[in-house]
Amino acid sequence: MQTLTVDVFVSVDGYAGSATSPAYFGYDGPMLEEWIHEEMAGPQLVLMGRRTYEALAGLSGETGGAGRDPVPGVDKVVFSSTLRTVSWQDTRVCHDDLIAEVTRLKSEGHVPLRTMGSLSVVRQLLEAGLVDRLRLMTFPLLVGESGREPLFAGVRSADLELVSHHDLDGRVLVMEYRPTGRAIPRA
């Protein structure tokens, strides 16, 4: 059985993005870049939704131009009911049910699975109990009113166990949790 790790970049106030913040909320640094490079170097299958694919495919500048694959050589699946084709190599579109396909990939796959962005995908995978590791990269800012999509909006409660934590560049806190399946404490 393969593992599924959900990676999410988040502000301290719980937003996975901001209308006014640049990439990495403006806190890019050498350790963060190294961490991303190391994490993408191993064998894996990256899962994402259509909106994340389109946002990444539309990036230009440092990525080498619009449409350029940000993680070449890594197999990717884009879940979408409307997208027909993708421009990246090593990438396929899946029109099948997300939960059924990820369940199949976990049981029949040969490499670990991980998400890239894709809050809708992340929420559905959490709700279905398919997430083995939840890794939050918490950036040192409150985005306030400019925040887009609170990360865990609509997700039911779950007990988590802290597996590891460390900082990157003395600013970004990486916390990895494992869902326990236990009920959360109640008053």
Protein backbone atom coordinates (compact mmCIF):
# COMPACT_ATOMS: atom_id res chain seq x y z
CA MET A 1 0.00 0.00 0.00
CA GLN A 2 1.45 3.36 -1.04
CA THR A 3 1.33 6.43 1.19
CA LEU A 4 -0.36 9.72 0.38
CA THR A 5 1.25 12.91 1.66
CA VAL A 6 -0.63 16.19 1.44
CA ASP A 7 1.67 19.22 1.21
CA VAL A 8 0.14 22.65 1.76
CA PHE A 9 1.69 26.11 2.05
CA VAL A 10 -0.32 28.10 4.57
CA SER A 11 -0.28 31.45 6.39
CA VAL A 12 -0.41 31.53 10.19
CA ASP A 13 -4.08 32.54 9.95
CA GLY A 14 -4.89 29.45 7.88
CA TYR A 15 -5.00 30.63 4.28
CA ALA A 16 -3.39 28.71 1.43
CA GLY A 17 -3.08 31.87 -0.62
CA SER A 18 -3.61 35.59 -0.69
CA ALA A 19 -4.86 37.95 -3.36
CA THR A 20 -1.87 40.22 -2.69
CA SER A 21 0.94 37.77 -1.90
CA PRO A 22 3.52 36.48 -4.38
CA ALA A 23 4.67 32.86 -4.57
CA TYR A 24 5.64 31.41 -1.18
CA PHE A 25 3.87 34.41 0.35
CA GLY A 26 7.05 36.35 -0.49
CA TYR A 27 9.21 34.30 1.91
CA ASP A 28 11.30 32.36 -0.59
CA GLY A 29 14.72 31.33 0.69
CA PRO A 30 17.57 28.91 0.00
CA MET A 31 16.47 26.28 2.52
CA LEU A 32 12.89 26.36 1.21
CA GLU A 33 14.12 25.97 -2.36
CA GLU A 34 16.41 23.10 -1.31
CA TRP A 35 13.57 21.41 0.59
CA ILE A 36 11.28 21.63 -2.46
CA HIS A 37 14.01 20.31 -4.75
CA GLU A 38 14.78 17.38 -2.42
CA GLU A 39 11.10 16.51 -1.98
CA MET A 40 10.50 16.48 -5.74
CA ALA A 41 13.64 14.40 -6.47
CA GLY A 42 12.37 11.06 -5.20
CA PRO A 43 10.03 8.66 -7.00
CA GLN A 44 6.42 9.80 -6.60
CA LEU A 45 3.15 10.52 -8.31
CA VAL A 46 1.90 14.09 -7.89
CA LEU A 47 -1.86 14.65 -7.71
CA MET A 48 -3.48 18.01 -8.46
CA GLY A 49 -6.71 19.57 -9.56
CA ARG A 50 -7.47 21.53 -12.71
CA ARG A 51 -7.19 24.97 -11.11
CA THR A 52 -3.72 24.23 -9.72
CA TYR A 53 -2.58 22.83 -13.06
CA GLU A 54 -3.86 25.90 -14.92
CA ALA A 55 -2.28 28.28 -12.40
CA LEU A 56 1.11 26.54 -12.62
CA ALA A 57 0.91 26.19 -16.41
CA GLY A 58 0.25 29.93 -16.64
CA LEU A 59 3.33 30.95 -14.68
CA SER A 60 6.21 32.63 -16.48
CA GLY A 61 9.47 34.32 -15.54
CA GLU A 62 11.67 32.15 -13.33
CA THR A 63 9.83 29.00 -14.37
CA GLY A 64 11.11 29.39 -17.93
CA GLY A 65 7.94 30.59 -19.59
CA ALA A 66 4.22 30.02 -19.54
CA GLY A 67 3.24 26.38 -19.94
CA ARG A 68 6.58 24.98 -18.75
CA ASP A 69 6.32 22.03 -16.39
CA PRO A 70 7.54 23.13 -12.93
CA VAL A 71 8.53 19.54 -12.03
CA PRO A 72 9.78 17.85 -15.20
CA GLY A 73 10.42 14.14 -15.00
CA VAL A 74 7.86 13.64 -12.22
CA ASP A 75 4.66 11.75 -13.06
CA LYS A 76 1.53 13.79 -12.44
CA VAL A 77 -2.23 13.28 -12.54
CA VAL A 78 -4.59 16.23 -13.00
CA PHE A 79 -8.13 15.50 -11.79
CA SER A 80 -10.72 17.35 -13.84
CA SER A 81 -14.14 16.79 -15.33
CA THR A 82 -13.63 19.52 -17.95
CA LEU A 83 -9.95 19.56 -18.93
CA ARG A 84 -9.21 17.43 -22.00
CA THR A 85 -5.45 17.83 -22.57
CA VAL A 86 -2.35 19.06 -20.72
CA SER A 87 0.87 20.50 -22.11
CA TRP A 88 3.26 18.91 -19.62
CA GLN A 89 5.09 15.67 -20.26
CA ASP A 90 4.65 12.87 -17.72
CA THR A 91 1.15 14.19 -16.99
CA ARG A 92 -2.26 12.70 -17.59
CA VAL A 93 -5.80 13.97 -17.06
CA CYS A 94 -8.09 11.77 -14.99
CA HIS A 95 -11.85 12.15 -15.43
CA ASP A 96 -12.62 9.28 -13.05
CA ASP A 97 -13.87 9.75 -9.51
CA LEU A 98 -11.05 11.23 -7.39
CA ILE A 99 -11.61 9.00 -4.36
CA ALA A 100 -11.92 5.79 -6.37
CA GLU A 101 -8.83 6.57 -8.45
CA VAL A 102 -6.66 7.56 -5.47
CA THR A 103 -7.80 4.45 -3.60
CA ARG A 104 -6.75 2.39 -6.63
CA LEU A 105 -3.41 4.22 -6.95
CA LYS A 106 -2.65 3.67 -3.26
CA SER A 107 -3.34 -0.05 -3.48
CA GLU A 108 -1.89 -0.79 -6.93
CA GLY A 109 0.72 1.94 -7.38
CA HIS A 110 4.46 1.55 -7.22
CA VAL A 111 5.44 4.98 -5.83
CA PRO A 112 4.26 7.24 -2.98
CA LEU A 113 1.54 9.79 -3.78
CA ARG A 114 1.56 13.47 -2.87
CA THR A 115 -0.55 16.49 -3.63
CA MET A 116 0.59 19.80 -5.04
CA GLY A 117 -1.70 22.65 -3.98
CA SER A 118 -5.27 21.77 -4.97
CA LEU A 119 -7.32 22.58 -1.88
CA SER A 120 -10.46 20.97 -3.27
CA VAL A 121 -8.54 17.74 -3.89
CA VAL A 122 -6.92 17.93 -0.44
CA ARG A 123 -10.27 18.44 1.31
CA GLN A 124 -11.86 15.49 -0.51
CA LEU A 125 -8.91 13.21 0.30
CA LEU A 126 -9.01 14.24 3.97
CA GLU A 127 -12.76 13.63 4.14
CA ALA A 128 -12.31 10.18 2.59
CA GLY A 129 -9.63 9.23 5.12
CA LEU A 130 -7.01 8.61 2.41
CA VAL A 131 -4.32 10.97 3.76
CA ASP A 132 -1.40 9.29 5.52
CA ARG A 133 0.64 12.46 6.16
CA LEU A 134 -0.47 16.09 6.36
CA ARG A 135 2.53 18.38 5.92
CA LEU A 136 1.98 22.08 6.54
CA MET A 137 4.56 24.68 5.57
CA THR A 138 3.47 27.60 7.74
CA PHE A 139 4.67 31.01 6.59
CA PRO A 140 5.19 33.83 9.12
CA LEU A 141 2.39 36.21 8.19
CA LEU A 142 -1.28 36.94 8.70
CA VAL A 143 -2.85 37.62 5.32
CA GLY A 144 -6.08 38.91 6.83
CA GLU A 145 -8.72 40.20 4.43
CA SER A 146 -6.62 39.35 1.35
CA GLY A 147 -6.73 35.64 2.23
CA ARG A 148 -8.15 33.29 -0.38
CA GLU A 149 -9.75 30.03 0.67
CA PRO A 150 -9.26 29.10 4.31
CA LEU A 151 -7.33 25.84 4.12
CA PHE A 152 -9.62 23.63 6.21
CA ALA A 153 -12.99 25.26 5.45
CA GLY A 154 -15.64 22.54 5.43
CA VAL A 155 -13.34 19.75 6.66
CA ARG A 156 -14.67 17.72 9.57
CA SER A 157 -12.67 17.44 12.78
CA ALA A 158 -9.83 14.93 13.04
CA ASP A 159 -7.21 14.01 15.63
CA LEU A 160 -3.62 14.42 14.39
CA GLU A 161 -0.31 13.21 15.77
CA LEU A 162 2.79 15.38 15.26
CA VAL A 163 5.38 13.27 13.40
CA SER A 164 8.09 15.86 12.82
CA HIS A 165 8.79 19.57 12.67
CA HIS A 166 11.62 21.88 11.65
CA ASP A 167 12.14 25.34 10.26
CA LEU A 168 13.40 26.52 6.90
CA ASP A 169 15.40 29.74 6.57
CA GLY A 170 14.53 30.58 10.20
CA ARG A 171 11.03 31.61 9.04
CA VAL A 172 8.96 28.80 7.59
CA LEU A 173 7.81 26.06 9.95
CA VAL A 174 7.36 22.59 8.42
CA MET A 175 5.04 20.43 10.52
CA GLU A 176 4.15 16.89 9.54
CA TYR A 177 1.11 15.23 11.07
CA ARG A 178 -0.40 11.76 10.86
CA PRO A 179 -4.18 11.32 11.16
CA THR A 180 -4.79 8.96 14.09
CA GLY A 181 -8.39 7.96 13.40
CA ARG A 182 -9.19 8.69 17.07
CA ALA A 183 -11.95 11.02 18.17
CA ILE A 184 -10.81 14.50 19.11
CA PRO A 185 -11.06 15.53 22.80
CA ARG A 186 -14.46 17.02 23.70
CA ALA A 187 -15.55 19.15 26.65
